[in-house]
Amino acid sequence: MKETILGLGVVTVFLLGAGCSTSYNTTNNSQPTSVVPTAAVVSQNQVNINHFVFEPKVLTIKAGQAVTWVHNDNVAHSVISGNLFESPALNRGDKFSFTFNTPGEYEFYCSIHPSMTGKIIVE
């Protein structure tokens, strides 16, 4: 009886471990591929607002591209760049986007917390 219980435990551990972290693409001769959670996928032209910080603090993009600020903090923030743009107060989960058409360097800040600053470099 002990051998049966031990055998079932080994089979259970094997089956539970079979679904972890690596998947196999059967259309490509079983080559391993990484599993990336959907929440981890981040736009290359995205600035996250979290813990009173813009991340990244400096972002370089091409002219004609948009930048999206994504609010992940627990308090309201805004995004302002001189006379170029001004977001409304953003709450957790809100997003604000702006398309930069002209090359240059554009500093931005949070009007609610002016020590929060960042820069977009447009090439």
PDB file of N, CA and C in Angstrom:
ATOM      1  N   MET A   1       0.820  -1.199   0.000  1.00  0.00           N
ATOM      2  CA  MET A   1       0.000   0.000   0.000  1.00  0.00           C
ATOM      3  C   MET A   1       0.862   1.260   0.000  1.00  0.00           C
ATOM      4  N   LYS A   2       1.964   1.261   0.811  1.00  0.00           N
ATOM      5  CA  LYS A   2       2.838   2.425   0.842  1.00  0.00           C
ATOM      6  C   LYS A   2       3.444   2.675  -0.529  1.00  0.00           C
ATOM      7  N   GLU A   3       3.783   1.595  -1.275  1.00  0.00           N
ATOM      8  CA  GLU A   3       4.356   1.758  -2.607  1.00  0.00           C
ATOM      9  C   GLU A   3       3.350   2.404  -3.559  1.00  0.00           C
ATOM     10  N   THR A   4       2.064   2.071  -3.419  1.00  0.00           N
ATOM     11  CA  THR A   4       1.024   2.644  -4.274  1.00  0.00           C
ATOM     12  C   THR A   4       0.871   4.145  -4.006  1.00  0.00           C
ATOM     13  N   ILE A   5       0.844   4.531  -2.742  1.00  0.00           N
ATOM     14  CA  ILE A   5       0.711   5.945  -2.380  1.00  0.00           C
ATOM     15  C   ILE A   5       1.939   6.714  -2.850  1.00  0.00           C
ATOM     16  N   LEU A   6       3.143   6.150  -2.653  1.00  0.00           N
ATOM     17  CA  LEU A   6       4.361   6.800  -3.102  1.00  0.00           C
ATOM     18  C   LEU A   6       4.352   6.951  -4.619  1.00  0.00           C
ATOM     19  N   GLY A   7       3.922   5.923  -5.342  1.00  0.00           N
ATOM     20  CA  GLY A   7       3.853   5.976  -6.800  1.00  0.00           C
ATOM     21  C   GLY A   7       2.888   7.043  -7.282  1.00  0.00           C
ATOM     22  N   LEU A   8       1.726   7.165  -6.623  1.00  0.00           N
ATOM     23  CA  LEU A   8       0.756   8.195  -6.984  1.00  0.00           C
ATOM     24  C   LEU A   8       1.323   9.587  -6.726  1.00  0.00           C
ATOM     25  N   GLY A   9       2.088   9.746  -5.648  1.00  0.00           N
ATOM     26  CA  GLY A   9       2.700  11.043  -5.346  1.00  0.00           C
ATOM     27  C   GLY A   9       3.704  11.432  -6.409  1.00  0.00           C
ATOM     28  N   VAL A  10       4.511  10.490  -6.894  1.00  0.00           N
ATOM     29  CA  VAL A  10       5.500  10.781  -7.931  1.00  0.00           C
ATOM     30  C   VAL A  10       4.804  11.162  -9.228  1.00  0.00           C
ATOM     31  N   VAL A  11       3.749  10.438  -9.586  1.00  0.00           N
ATOM     32  CA  VAL A  11       2.998  10.738 -10.803  1.00  0.00           C
ATOM     33  C   VAL A  11       2.358  12.122 -10.693  1.00  0.00           C
ATOM     34  N   THR A  12       1.792  12.457  -9.532  1.00  0.00           N
ATOM     35  CA  THR A  12       1.159  13.758  -9.332  1.00  0.00           C
ATOM     36  C   THR A  12       2.171  14.879  -9.472  1.00  0.00           C
ATOM     37  N   VAL A  13       3.344  14.746  -8.839  1.00  0.00           N
ATOM     38  CA  VAL A  13       4.387  15.772  -8.939  1.00  0.00           C
ATOM     39  C   VAL A  13       4.832  15.917 -10.383  1.00  0.00           C
ATOM     40  N   PHE A  14       4.992  14.804 -11.112  1.00  0.00           N
ATOM     41  CA  PHE A  14       5.408  14.858 -12.517  1.00  0.00           C
ATOM     42  C   PHE A  14       4.368  15.598 -13.352  1.00  0.00           C
ATOM     43  N   LEU A  15       3.082  15.281 -13.155  1.00  0.00           N
ATOM     44  CA  LEU A  15       2.023  15.919 -13.940  1.00  0.00           C
ATOM     45  C   LEU A  15       1.894  17.399 -13.600  1.00  0.00           C
ATOM     46  N   LEU A  16       2.040  17.773 -12.329  1.00  0.00           N
ATOM     47  CA  LEU A  16       1.958  19.182 -11.951  1.00  0.00           C
ATOM     48  C   LEU A  16       3.131  19.963 -12.518  1.00  0.00           C
ATOM     49  N   GLY A  17       4.303  19.389 -12.539  1.00  0.00           N
ATOM     50  CA  GLY A  17       5.491  20.060 -13.052  1.00  0.00           C
ATOM     51  C   GLY A  17       5.512  20.156 -14.557  1.00  0.00           C
ATOM     52  N   ALA A  18       4.727  19.350 -15.247  1.00  0.00           N
ATOM     53  CA  ALA A  18       4.757  19.334 -16.711  1.00  0.00           C
ATOM     54  C   ALA A  18       4.241  20.619 -17.323  1.00  0.00           C
ATOM     55  N   GLY A  19       3.421  21.394 -16.609  1.00  0.00           N
ATOM     56  CA  GLY A  19       2.857  22.601 -17.191  1.00  0.00           C
ATOM     57  C   GLY A  19       3.595  23.872 -16.821  1.00  0.00           C
ATOM     58  N   CYS A  20       4.786  23.809 -16.272  1.00  0.00           N
ATOM     59  CA  CYS A  20       5.503  24.987 -15.789  1.00  0.00           C
ATOM     60  C   CYS A  20       6.343  25.670 -16.853  1.00  0.00           C
ATOM     61  N   SER A  21       6.401  26.935 -16.864  1.00  0.00           N
ATOM     62  CA  SER A  21       7.273  27.916 -17.496  1.00  0.00           C
ATOM     63  C   SER A  21       7.732  27.749 -18.928  1.00  0.00           C
ATOM     64  N   THR A  22       7.771  26.591 -19.499  1.00  0.00           N
ATOM     65  CA  THR A  22       8.195  26.464 -20.890  1.00  0.00           C
ATOM     66  C   THR A  22       7.107  25.734 -21.662  1.00  0.00           C
ATOM     67  N   SER A  23       6.802  26.248 -22.824  1.00  0.00           N
ATOM     68  CA  SER A  23       5.839  25.554 -23.676  1.00  0.00           C
ATOM     69  C   SER A  23       6.556  25.112 -24.937  1.00  0.00           C
ATOM     70  N   TYR A  24       5.975  24.197 -25.646  1.00  0.00           N
ATOM     71  CA  TYR A  24       6.583  23.697 -26.865  1.00  0.00           C
ATOM     72  C   TYR A  24       5.677  23.986 -28.029  1.00  0.00           C
ATOM     73  N   ASN A  25       6.252  24.530 -29.049  1.00  0.00           N
ATOM     74  CA  ASN A  25       5.527  24.894 -30.253  1.00  0.00           C
ATOM     75  C   ASN A  25       5.548  23.687 -31.178  1.00  0.00           C
ATOM     76  N   THR A  26       4.445  22.975 -31.269  1.00  0.00           N
ATOM     77  CA  THR A  26       4.413  21.742 -32.056  1.00  0.00           C
ATOM     78  C   THR A  26       4.445  21.995 -33.552  1.00  0.00           C
ATOM     79  N   THR A  27       4.224  23.234 -33.977  1.00  0.00           N
ATOM     80  CA  THR A  27       4.297  23.527 -35.409  1.00  0.00           C
ATOM     81  C   THR A  27       5.728  23.768 -35.865  1.00  0.00           C
ATOM     82  N   ASN A  28       6.666  23.812 -34.914  1.00  0.00           N
ATOM     83  CA  ASN A  28       8.059  24.087 -35.244  1.00  0.00           C
ATOM     84  C   ASN A  28       8.968  23.020 -34.656  1.00  0.00           C
ATOM     85  N   ASN A  29       8.613  21.758 -34.825  1.00  0.00           N
ATOM     86  CA  ASN A  29       9.407  20.626 -34.345  1.00  0.00           C
ATOM     87  C   ASN A  29       9.757  20.724 -32.867  1.00  0.00           C
ATOM     88  N   SER A  30       8.819  21.119 -32.049  1.00  0.00           N
ATOM     89  CA  SER A  30       8.949  21.149 -30.594  1.00  0.00           C
ATOM     90  C   SER A  30      10.106  22.002 -30.100  1.00  0.00           C
ATOM     91  N   GLN A  31      10.291  23.164 -30.668  1.00  0.00           N
ATOM     92  CA  GLN A  31      11.295  24.104 -30.165  1.00  0.00           C
ATOM     93  C   GLN A  31      10.706  24.833 -28.961  1.00  0.00           C
ATOM     94  N   PRO A  32      11.447  24.938 -27.856  1.00  0.00           N
ATOM     95  CA  PRO A  32      10.909  25.625 -26.677  1.00  0.00           C
ATOM     96  C   PRO A  32      10.746  27.121 -26.935  1.00  0.00           C
ATOM     97  N   THR A  33       9.693  27.685 -26.352  1.00  0.00           N
ATOM     98  CA  THR A  33       9.464  29.126 -26.424  1.00  0.00           C
ATOM     99  C   THR A  33       9.179  29.623 -25.021  1.00  0.00           C
ATOM    100  N   SER A  34       9.521  30.852 -24.746  1.00  0.00           N
ATOM    101  CA  SER A  34       9.255  31.426 -23.433  1.00  0.00           C
ATOM    102  C   SER A  34       7.786  31.754 -23.306  1.00  0.00           C
ATOM    103  N   VAL A  35       7.282  31.620 -22.104  1.00  0.00           N
ATOM    104  CA  VAL A  35       5.921  32.002 -21.810  1.00  0.00           C
ATOM    105  C   VAL A  35       5.996  33.368 -21.144  1.00  0.00           C
ATOM    106  N   VAL A  36       5.356  34.379 -21.731  1.00  0.00           N
ATOM    107  CA  VAL A  36       5.367  35.732 -21.187  1.00  0.00           C
ATOM    108  C   VAL A  36       3.950  36.092 -20.794  1.00  0.00           C
ATOM    109  N   PRO A  37       3.722  36.388 -19.504  1.00  0.00           N
ATOM    110  CA  PRO A  37       2.380  36.788 -19.095  1.00  0.00           C
ATOM    111  C   PRO A  37       1.958  38.047 -19.837  1.00  0.00           C
ATOM    112  N   THR A  38       0.686  38.136 -20.190  1.00  0.00           N
ATOM    113  CA  THR A  38       0.170  39.273 -20.943  1.00  0.00           C
ATOM    114  C   THR A  38       0.457  40.588 -20.229  1.00  0.00           C
ATOM    115  N   ALA A  39       0.339  40.626 -18.912  1.00  0.00           N
ATOM    116  CA  ALA A  39       0.553  41.862 -18.164  1.00  0.00           C
ATOM    117  C   ALA A  39       1.987  42.355 -18.273  1.00  0.00           C
ATOM    118  N   ALA A  40       2.935  41.482 -18.594  1.00  0.00           N
ATOM    119  CA  ALA A  40       4.338  41.865 -18.669  1.00  0.00           C
ATOM    120  C   ALA A  40       4.695  42.509 -20.001  1.00  0.00           C
ATOM    121  N   VAL A  41       3.816  42.420 -20.978  1.00  0.00           N
ATOM    122  CA  VAL A  41       4.100  42.996 -22.286  1.00  0.00           C
ATOM    123  C   VAL A  41       3.924  44.505 -22.194  1.00  0.00           C
ATOM    124  N   VAL A  42       4.983  45.240 -22.530  1.00  0.00           N
ATOM    125  CA  VAL A  42       4.969  46.690 -22.409  1.00  0.00           C
ATOM    126  C   VAL A  42       5.298  47.308 -23.758  1.00  0.00           C
ATOM    127  N   SER A  43       4.558  48.336 -24.120  1.00  0.00           N
ATOM    128  CA  SER A  43       4.828  49.059 -25.352  1.00  0.00           C
ATOM    129  C   SER A  43       6.181  49.737 -25.242  1.00  0.00           C
ATOM    130  N   GLN A  44       6.932  49.764 -26.346  1.00  0.00           N
ATOM    131  CA  GLN A  44       8.242  50.404 -26.304  1.00  0.00           C
ATOM    132  C   GLN A  44       8.117  51.913 -26.148  1.00  0.00           C
ATOM    133  N   ASN A  45       6.991  52.500 -26.464  1.00  0.00           N
ATOM    134  CA  ASN A  45       6.789  53.935 -26.314  1.00  0.00           C
ATOM    135  C   ASN A  45       5.839  54.221 -25.157  1.00  0.00           C
ATOM    136  N   GLN A  46       6.095  53.571 -24.048  1.00  0.00           N
ATOM    137  CA  GLN A  46       5.231  53.708 -22.880  1.00  0.00           C
ATOM    138  C   GLN A  46       6.038  54.243 -21.706  1.00  0.00           C
ATOM    139  N   VAL A  47       5.440  55.167 -20.962  1.00  0.00           N
ATOM    140  CA  VAL A  47       6.022  55.662 -19.726  1.00  0.00           C
ATOM    141  C   VAL A  47       5.071  55.264 -18.615  1.00  0.00           C
ATOM    142  N   ASN A  48       5.568  54.524 -17.643  1.00  0.00           N
ATOM    143  CA  ASN A  48       4.749  54.096 -16.516  1.00  0.00           C
ATOM    144  C   ASN A  48       4.853  55.114 -15.391  1.00  0.00           C
ATOM    145  N   ILE A  49       3.744  55.343 -14.725  1.00  0.00           N
ATOM    146  CA  ILE A  49       3.702  56.223 -13.564  1.00  0.00           C
ATOM    147  C   ILE A  49       3.468  55.320 -12.363  1.00  0.00           C
ATOM    148  N   ASN A  50       4.480  55.245 -11.493  1.00  0.00           N
ATOM    149  CA  ASN A  50       4.395  54.335 -10.363  1.00  0.00           C
ATOM    150  C   ASN A  50       5.279  54.841  -9.230  1.00  0.00           C
ATOM    151  N   HIS A  51       4.773  54.864  -8.023  1.00  0.00           N
ATOM    152  CA  HIS A  51       5.528  55.277  -6.831  1.00  0.00           C
ATOM    153  C   HIS A  51       6.137  56.667  -7.013  1.00  0.00           C
ATOM    154  N   PHE A  52       5.351  57.598  -7.554  1.00  0.00           N
ATOM    155  CA  PHE A  52       5.762  58.990  -7.744  1.00  0.00           C
ATOM    156  C   PHE A  52       6.973  59.127  -8.669  1.00  0.00           C
ATOM    157  N   VAL A  53       7.068  58.249  -9.663  1.00  0.00           N
ATOM    158  CA  VAL A  53       8.185  58.265 -10.620  1.00  0.00           C
ATOM    159  C   VAL A  53       7.650  57.969 -12.016  1.00  0.00           C
ATOM    160  N   PHE A  54       8.218  58.667 -13.017  1.00  0.00           N
ATOM    161  CA  PHE A  54       7.976  58.332 -14.417  1.00  0.00           C
ATOM    162  C   PHE A  54       9.066  57.345 -14.824  1.00  0.00           C
ATOM    163  N   GLU A  55       8.670  56.198 -15.384  1.00  0.00           N
ATOM    164  CA  GLU A  55       9.633  55.164 -15.795  1.00  0.00           C
ATOM    165  C   GLU A  55       9.360  54.741 -17.227  1.00  0.00           C
ATOM    166  N   PRO A  56      10.291  54.904 -18.166  1.00  0.00           N
ATOM    167  CA  PRO A  56      11.625  55.458 -17.940  1.00  0.00           C
ATOM    168  C   PRO A  56      11.556  56.971 -17.793  1.00  0.00           C
ATOM    169  N   LYS A  57      12.581  57.521 -17.173  1.00  0.00           N
ATOM    170  CA  LYS A  57      12.652  58.975 -16.965  1.00  0.00           C
ATOM    171  C   LYS A  57      12.941  59.690 -18.279  1.00  0.00           C
ATOM    172  N   VAL A  58      13.719  59.050 -19.175  1.00  0.00           N
ATOM    173  CA  VAL A  58      14.020  59.588 -20.498  1.00  0.00           C
ATOM    174  C   VAL A  58      13.670  58.524 -21.527  1.00  0.00           C
ATOM    175  N   LEU A  59      12.918  58.905 -22.540  1.00  0.00           N
ATOM    176  CA  LEU A  59      12.498  57.980 -23.591  1.00  0.00           C
ATOM    177  C   LEU A  59      12.815  58.602 -24.946  1.00  0.00           C
ATOM    178  N   THR A  60      13.489  57.837 -25.819  1.00  0.00           N
ATOM    179  CA  THR A  60      13.816  58.299 -27.162  1.00  0.00           C
ATOM    180  C   THR A  60      12.912  57.606 -28.170  1.00  0.00           C
ATOM    181  N   ILE A  61      12.285  58.416 -29.041  1.00  0.00           N
ATOM    182  CA  ILE A  61      11.370  57.890 -30.056  1.00  0.00           C
ATOM    183  C   ILE A  61      11.669  58.545 -31.398  1.00  0.00           C
ATOM    184  N   LYS A  62      11.015  58.091 -32.443  1.00  0.00           N
ATOM    185  CA  LYS A  62      11.101  58.692 -33.781  1.00  0.00           C
ATOM    186  C   LYS A  62       9.957  59.688 -33.958  1.00  0.00           C
ATOM    187  N   ALA A  63      10.209  60.734 -34.763  1.00  0.00           N
ATOM    188  CA  ALA A  63       9.158  61.711 -35.057  1.00  0.00           C
ATOM    189  C   ALA A  63       7.948  60.992 -35.659  1.00  0.00           C
ATOM    190  N   GLY A  64       6.761  61.399 -35.255  1.00  0.00           N
ATOM    191  CA  GLY A  64       5.531  60.788 -35.735  1.00  0.00           C
ATOM    192  C   GLY A  64       5.018  59.677 -34.837  1.00  0.00           C
ATOM    193  N   GLN A  65       5.779  59.297 -33.805  1.00  0.00           N
ATOM    194  CA  GLN A  65       5.342  58.238 -32.899  1.00  0.00           C
ATOM    195  C   GLN A  65       4.631  58.834 -31.684  1.00  0.00           C
ATOM    196  N   ALA A  66       3.749  58.045 -31.122  1.00  0.00           N
ATOM    197  CA  ALA A  66       3.020  58.451 -29.915  1.00  0.00           C
ATOM    198  C   ALA A  66       3.680  57.842 -28.690  1.00  0.00           C
ATOM    199  N   VAL A  67       3.553  58.533 -27.582  1.00  0.00           N
ATOM    200  CA  VAL A  67       3.966  58.026 -26.277  1.00  0.00           C
ATOM    201  C   VAL A  67       2.710  57.900 -25.439  1.00  0.00           C
ATOM    202  N   THR A  68       2.597  56.815 -24.710  1.00  0.00           N
ATOM    203  CA  THR A  68       1.458  56.606 -23.820  1.00  0.00           C
ATOM    204  C   THR A  68       1.961  56.535 -22.384  1.00  0.00           C
ATOM    205  N   TRP A  69       1.411  57.376 -21.528  1.00  0.00           N
ATOM    206  CA  TRP A  69       1.697  57.336 -20.102  1.00  0.00           C
ATOM    207  C   TRP A  69       0.624  56.463 -19.470  1.00  0.00           C
ATOM    208  N   VAL A  70       1.041  55.495 -18.663  1.00  0.00           N
ATOM    209  CA  VAL A  70       0.116  54.557 -18.019  1.00  0.00           C
ATOM    210  C   VAL A  70       0.220  54.742 -16.512  1.00  0.00           C
ATOM    211  N   HIS A  71      -0.893  55.102 -15.902  1.00  0.00           N
ATOM    212  CA  HIS A  71      -0.927  55.396 -14.465  1.00  0.00           C
ATOM    213  C   HIS A  71      -1.108  54.109 -13.666  1.00  0.00           C
ATOM    214  N   ASN A  72      -0.103  53.766 -12.858  1.00  0.00           N
ATOM    215  CA  ASN A  72      -0.154  52.558 -12.020  1.00  0.00           C
ATOM    216  C   ASN A  72      -0.075  52.888 -10.535  1.00  0.00           C
ATOM    217  N   ASP A  73      -0.135  54.158 -10.192  1.00  0.00           N
ATOM    218  CA  ASP A  73       0.047  54.581  -8.804  1.00  0.00           C
ATOM    219  C   ASP A  73      -1.293  54.640  -8.083  1.00  0.00           C
ATOM    220  N   ASN A  74      -1.231  54.828  -6.765  1.00  0.00           N
ATOM    221  CA  ASN A  74      -2.456  54.868  -5.967  1.00  0.00           C
ATOM    222  C   ASN A  74      -2.988  56.279  -5.750  1.00  0.00           C
ATOM    223  N   VAL A  75      -2.259  57.310  -6.213  1.00  0.00           N
ATOM    224  CA  VAL A  75      -2.714  58.689  -6.083  1.00  0.00           C
ATOM    225  C   VAL A  75      -2.759  59.325  -7.470  1.00  0.00           C
ATOM    226  N   ALA A  76      -3.533  60.397  -7.601  1.00  0.00           N
ATOM    227  CA  ALA A  76      -3.686  61.064  -8.898  1.00  0.00           C
ATOM    228  C   ALA A  76      -2.382  61.729  -9.334  1.00  0.00           C
ATOM    229  N   HIS A  77      -2.128  61.707 -10.649  1.00  0.00           N
ATOM    230  CA  HIS A  77      -0.988  62.382 -11.269  1.00  0.00           C
ATOM    231  C   HIS A  77      -1.459  62.990 -12.575  1.00  0.00           C
ATOM    232  N   SER A  78      -0.635  63.873 -13.134  1.00  0.00           N
ATOM    233  CA  SER A  78      -0.914  64.442 -14.448  1.00  0.00           C
ATOM    234  C   SER A  78       0.376  64.429 -15.248  1.00  0.00           C
ATOM    235  N   VAL A  79       0.279  64.741 -16.534  1.00  0.00           N
ATOM    236  CA  VAL A  79       1.443  64.830 -17.412  1.00  0.00           C
ATOM    237  C   VAL A  79       1.306  66.122 -18.201  1.00  0.00           C
ATOM    238  N   ILE A  80       2.290  67.015 -18.046  1.00  0.00           N
ATOM    239  CA  ILE A  80       2.249  68.319 -18.713  1.00  0.00           C
ATOM    240  C   ILE A  80       3.599  68.591 -19.351  1.00  0.00           C
ATOM    241  N   SER A  81       3.569  69.133 -20.576  1.00  0.00           N
ATOM    242  CA  SER A  81       4.790  69.565 -21.247  1.00  0.00           C
ATOM    243  C   SER A  81       4.555  70.960 -21.829  1.00  0.00           C
ATOM    244  N   GLY A  82       4.973  71.996 -21.086  1.00  0.00           N
ATOM    245  CA  GLY A  82       4.854  73.378 -21.544  1.00  0.00           C
ATOM    246  C   GLY A  82       3.494  73.668 -22.151  1.00  0.00           C
ATOM    247  N   ASN A  83       3.496  74.272 -23.334  1.00  0.00           N
ATOM    248  CA  ASN A  83       2.251  74.554 -24.055  1.00  0.00           C
ATOM    249  C   ASN A  83       1.895  73.446 -25.032  1.00  0.00           C
ATOM    250  N   LEU A  84       2.649  72.352 -24.998  1.00  0.00           N
ATOM    251  CA  LEU A  84       2.453  71.274 -25.969  1.00  0.00           C
ATOM    252  C   LEU A  84       1.252  70.392 -25.631  1.00  0.00           C
ATOM    253  N   PHE A  85       1.187  69.927 -24.398  1.00  0.00           N
ATOM    254  CA  PHE A  85       0.055  69.084 -23.987  1.00  0.00           C
ATOM    255  C   PHE A  85      -0.124  69.143 -22.479  1.00  0.00           C
ATOM    256  N   GLU A  86      -1.343  68.782 -22.043  1.00  0.00           N
ATOM    257  CA  GLU A  86      -1.660  68.691 -20.621  1.00  0.00           C
ATOM    258  C   GLU A  86      -2.743  67.636 -20.445  1.00  0.00           C
ATOM    259  N   SER A  87      -2.416  66.614 -19.694  1.00  0.00           N
ATOM    260  CA  SER A  87      -3.409  65.572 -19.432  1.00  0.00           C
ATOM    261  C   SER A  87      -4.336  66.040 -18.326  1.00  0.00           C
ATOM    262  N   PRO A  88      -5.508  65.440 -18.254  1.00  0.00           N
ATOM    263  CA  PRO A  88      -6.331  65.673 -17.059  1.00  0.00           C
ATOM    264  C   PRO A  88      -5.691  64.914 -15.897  1.00  0.00           C
ATOM    265  N   ALA A  89      -6.211  65.076 -14.705  1.00  0.00           N
ATOM    266  CA  ALA A  89      -5.733  64.286 -13.572  1.00  0.00           C
ATOM    267  C   ALA A  89      -6.004  62.815 -13.880  1.00  0.00           C
ATOM    268  N   LEU A  90      -4.961  62.003 -13.760  1.00  0.00           N
ATOM    269  CA  LEU A  90      -5.075  60.575 -14.067  1.00  0.00           C
ATOM    270  C   LEU A  90      -5.163  59.777 -12.780  1.00  0.00           C
ATOM    271  N   ASN A  91      -6.025  58.786 -12.768  1.00  0.00           N
ATOM    272  CA  ASN A  91      -6.147  57.868 -11.645  1.00  0.00           C
ATOM    273  C   ASN A  91      -5.626  56.499 -12.062  1.00  0.00           C
ATOM    274  N   ARG A  92      -5.443  55.627 -11.106  1.00  0.00           N
ATOM    275  CA  ARG A  92      -4.923  54.279 -11.369  1.00  0.00           C
ATOM    276  C   ARG A  92      -5.685  53.640 -12.532  1.00  0.00           C
ATOM    277  N   GLY A  93      -4.926  53.135 -13.523  1.00  0.00           N
ATOM    278  CA  GLY A  93      -5.518  52.478 -14.675  1.00  0.00           C
ATOM    279  C   GLY A  93      -5.747  53.401 -15.861  1.00  0.00           C
ATOM    280  N   ASP A  94      -5.687  54.718 -15.645  1.00  0.00           N
ATOM    281  CA  ASP A  94      -5.874  55.668 -16.745  1.00  0.00           C
ATOM    282  C   ASP A  94      -4.635  55.735 -17.626  1.00  0.00           C
ATOM    283  N   LYS A  95      -4.851  56.133 -18.890  1.00  0.00           N
ATOM    284  CA  LYS A  95      -3.760  56.305 -19.854  1.00  0.00           C
ATOM    285  C   LYS A  95      -3.918  57.654 -20.540  1.00  0.00           C
ATOM    286  N   PHE A  96      -2.784  58.221 -20.956  1.00  0.00           N
ATOM    287  CA  PHE A  96      -2.783  59.459 -21.713  1.00  0.00           C
ATOM    288  C   PHE A  96      -1.747  59.315 -22.817  1.00  0.00           C
ATOM    289  N   SER A  97      -2.099  59.659 -24.044  1.00  0.00           N
ATOM    290  CA  SER A  97      -1.180  59.531 -25.183  1.00  0.00           C
ATOM    291  C   SER A  97      -1.018  60.863 -25.897  1.00  0.00           C
ATOM    292  N   PHE A  98       0.173  61.051 -26.468  1.00  0.00           N
ATOM    293  CA  PHE A  98       0.450  62.234 -27.271  1.00  0.00           C
ATOM    294  C   PHE A  98       1.398  61.834 -28.396  1.00  0.00           C
ATOM    295  N   THR A  99       1.129  62.318 -29.613  1.00  0.00           N
ATOM    296  CA  THR A  99       1.974  62.034 -30.767  1.00  0.00           C
ATOM    297  C   THR A  99       2.944  63.196 -30.970  1.00  0.00           C
ATOM    298  N   PHE A 100       4.247  62.867 -31.024  1.00  0.00           N
ATOM    299  CA  PHE A 100       5.300  63.855 -31.208  1.00  0.00           C
ATOM    300  C   PHE A 100       5.696  63.868 -32.685  1.00  0.00           C
ATOM    301  N   ASN A 101       5.390  64.959 -33.375  1.00  0.00           N
ATOM    302  CA  ASN A 101       5.671  65.051 -34.808  1.00  0.00           C
ATOM    303  C   ASN A 101       6.964  65.780 -35.141  1.00  0.00           C
ATOM    304  N   THR A 102       7.476  66.576 -34.220  1.00  0.00           N
ATOM    305  CA  THR A 102       8.641  67.409 -34.490  1.00  0.00           C
ATOM    306  C   THR A 102       9.834  66.948 -33.651  1.00  0.00           C
ATOM    307  N   PRO A 103      10.992  66.713 -34.290  1.00  0.00           N
ATOM    308  CA  PRO A 103      12.183  66.331 -33.520  1.00  0.00           C
ATOM    309  C   PRO A 103      12.533  67.390 -32.474  1.00  0.00           C
ATOM    310  N   GLY A 104      13.073  66.951 -31.365  1.00  0.00           N
ATOM    311  CA  GLY A 104      13.476  67.846 -30.279  1.00  0.00           C
ATOM    312  C   GLY A 104      13.446  67.121 -28.950  1.00  0.00           C
ATOM    313  N   GLU A 105      13.696  67.861 -27.891  1.00  0.00           N
ATOM    314  CA  GLU A 105      13.643  67.321 -26.535  1.00  0.00           C
ATOM    315  C   GLU A 105      12.491  67.983 -25.803  1.00  0.00           C
ATOM    316  N   TYR A 106      11.642  67.176 -25.214  1.00  0.00           N
ATOM    317  CA  TYR A 106      10.428  67.670 -24.575  1.00  0.00           C
ATOM    318  C   TYR A 106      10.400  67.204 -23.116  1.00  0.00           C
ATOM    319  N   GLU A 107      10.588  68.141 -22.208  1.00  0.00           N
ATOM    320  CA  GLU A 107      10.506  67.817 -20.786  1.00  0.00           C
ATOM    321  C   GLU A 107       9.042  67.812 -20.370  1.00  0.00           C
ATOM    322  N   PHE A 108       8.714  66.936 -19.423  1.00  0.00           N
ATOM    323  CA  PHE A 108       7.354  66.875 -18.899  1.00  0.00           C
ATOM    324  C   PHE A 108       7.410  66.697 -17.395  1.00  0.00           C
ATOM    325  N   TYR A 109       6.290  66.960 -16.738  1.00  0.00           N
ATOM    326  CA  TYR A 109       6.223  66.834 -15.285  1.00  0.00           C
ATOM    327  C   TYR A 109       4.781  66.593 -14.853  1.00  0.00           C
ATOM    328  N   CYS A 110       4.613  66.290 -13.578  1.00  0.00           N
ATOM    329  CA  CYS A 110       3.287  66.128 -12.974  1.00  0.00           C
ATOM    330  C   CYS A 110       2.951  67.441 -12.281  1.00  0.00           C
ATOM    331  N   SER A 111       1.841  68.079 -12.653  1.00  0.00           N
ATOM    332  CA  SER A 111       1.479  69.360 -12.039  1.00  0.00           C
ATOM    333  C   SER A 111       1.072  69.199 -10.576  1.00  0.00           C
ATOM    334  N   ILE A 112       0.646  68.013 -10.195  1.00  0.00           N
ATOM    335  CA  ILE A 112       0.249  67.749  -8.813  1.00  0.00           C
ATOM    336  C   ILE A 112       1.478  67.533  -7.943  1.00  0.00           C
ATOM    337  N   HIS A 113       2.521  66.921  -8.527  1.00  0.00           N
ATOM    338  CA  HIS A 113       3.779  66.627  -7.825  1.00  0.00           C
ATOM    339  C   HIS A 113       4.926  67.087  -8.724  1.00  0.00           C
ATOM    340  N   PRO A 114       5.246  68.381  -8.724  1.00  0.00           N
ATOM    341  CA  PRO A 114       6.223  68.942  -9.670  1.00  0.00           C
ATOM    342  C   PRO A 114       7.615  68.327  -9.611  1.00  0.00           C
ATOM    343  N   SER A 115       7.949  67.609  -8.543  1.00  0.00           N
ATOM    344  CA  SER A 115       9.261  66.958  -8.494  1.00  0.00           C
ATOM    345  C   SER A 115       9.326  65.731  -9.414  1.00  0.00           C
ATOM    346  N   MET A 116       8.177  65.288  -9.891  1.00  0.00           N
ATOM    347  CA  MET A 116       8.118  64.173 -10.844  1.00  0.00           C
ATOM    348  C   MET A 116       8.367  64.740 -12.250  1.00  0.00           C
ATOM    349  N   THR A 117       9.498  64.388 -12.834  1.00  0.00           N
ATOM    350  CA  THR A 117       9.860  64.919 -14.155  1.00  0.00           C
ATOM    351  C   THR A 117      10.342  63.820 -15.082  1.00  0.00           C
ATOM    352  N   GLY A 118      10.350  64.130 -16.360  1.00  0.00           N
ATOM    353  CA  GLY A 118      10.866  63.201 -17.366  1.00  0.00           C
ATOM    354  C   GLY A 118      11.127  63.939 -18.649  1.00  0.00           C
ATOM    355  N   LYS A 119      11.624  63.207 -19.655  1.00  0.00           N
ATOM    356  CA  LYS A 119      11.946  63.830 -20.932  1.00  0.00           C
ATOM    357  C   LYS A 119      11.706  62.849 -22.062  1.00  0.00           C
ATOM    358  N   ILE A 120      11.128  63.372 -23.153  1.00  0.00           N
ATOM    359  CA  ILE A 120      10.973  62.618 -24.394  1.00  0.00           C
ATOM    360  C   ILE A 120      11.936  63.235 -25.402  1.00  0.00           C
ATOM    361  N   ILE A 121      12.785  62.410 -25.999  1.00  0.00           N
ATOM    362  CA  ILE A 121      13.698  62.846 -27.048  1.00  0.00           C
ATOM    363  C   ILE A 121      13.150  62.320 -28.365  1.00  0.00           C
ATOM    364  N   VAL A 122      12.842  63.246 -29.287  1.00  0.00           N
ATOM    365  CA  VAL A 122      12.259  62.873 -30.567  1.00  0.00           C
ATOM    366  C   VAL A 122      13.319  63.076 -31.654  1.00  0.00           C
ATOM    367  N   GLU A 123      13.647  61.982 -32.341  1.00  0.00           N
ATOM    368  CA  GLU A 123      14.670  62.045 -33.399  1.00  0.00           C
ATOM    369  C   GLU A 123      14.039  62.200 -34.765  1.00  0.00           C
TER     370      GLU A 123
END
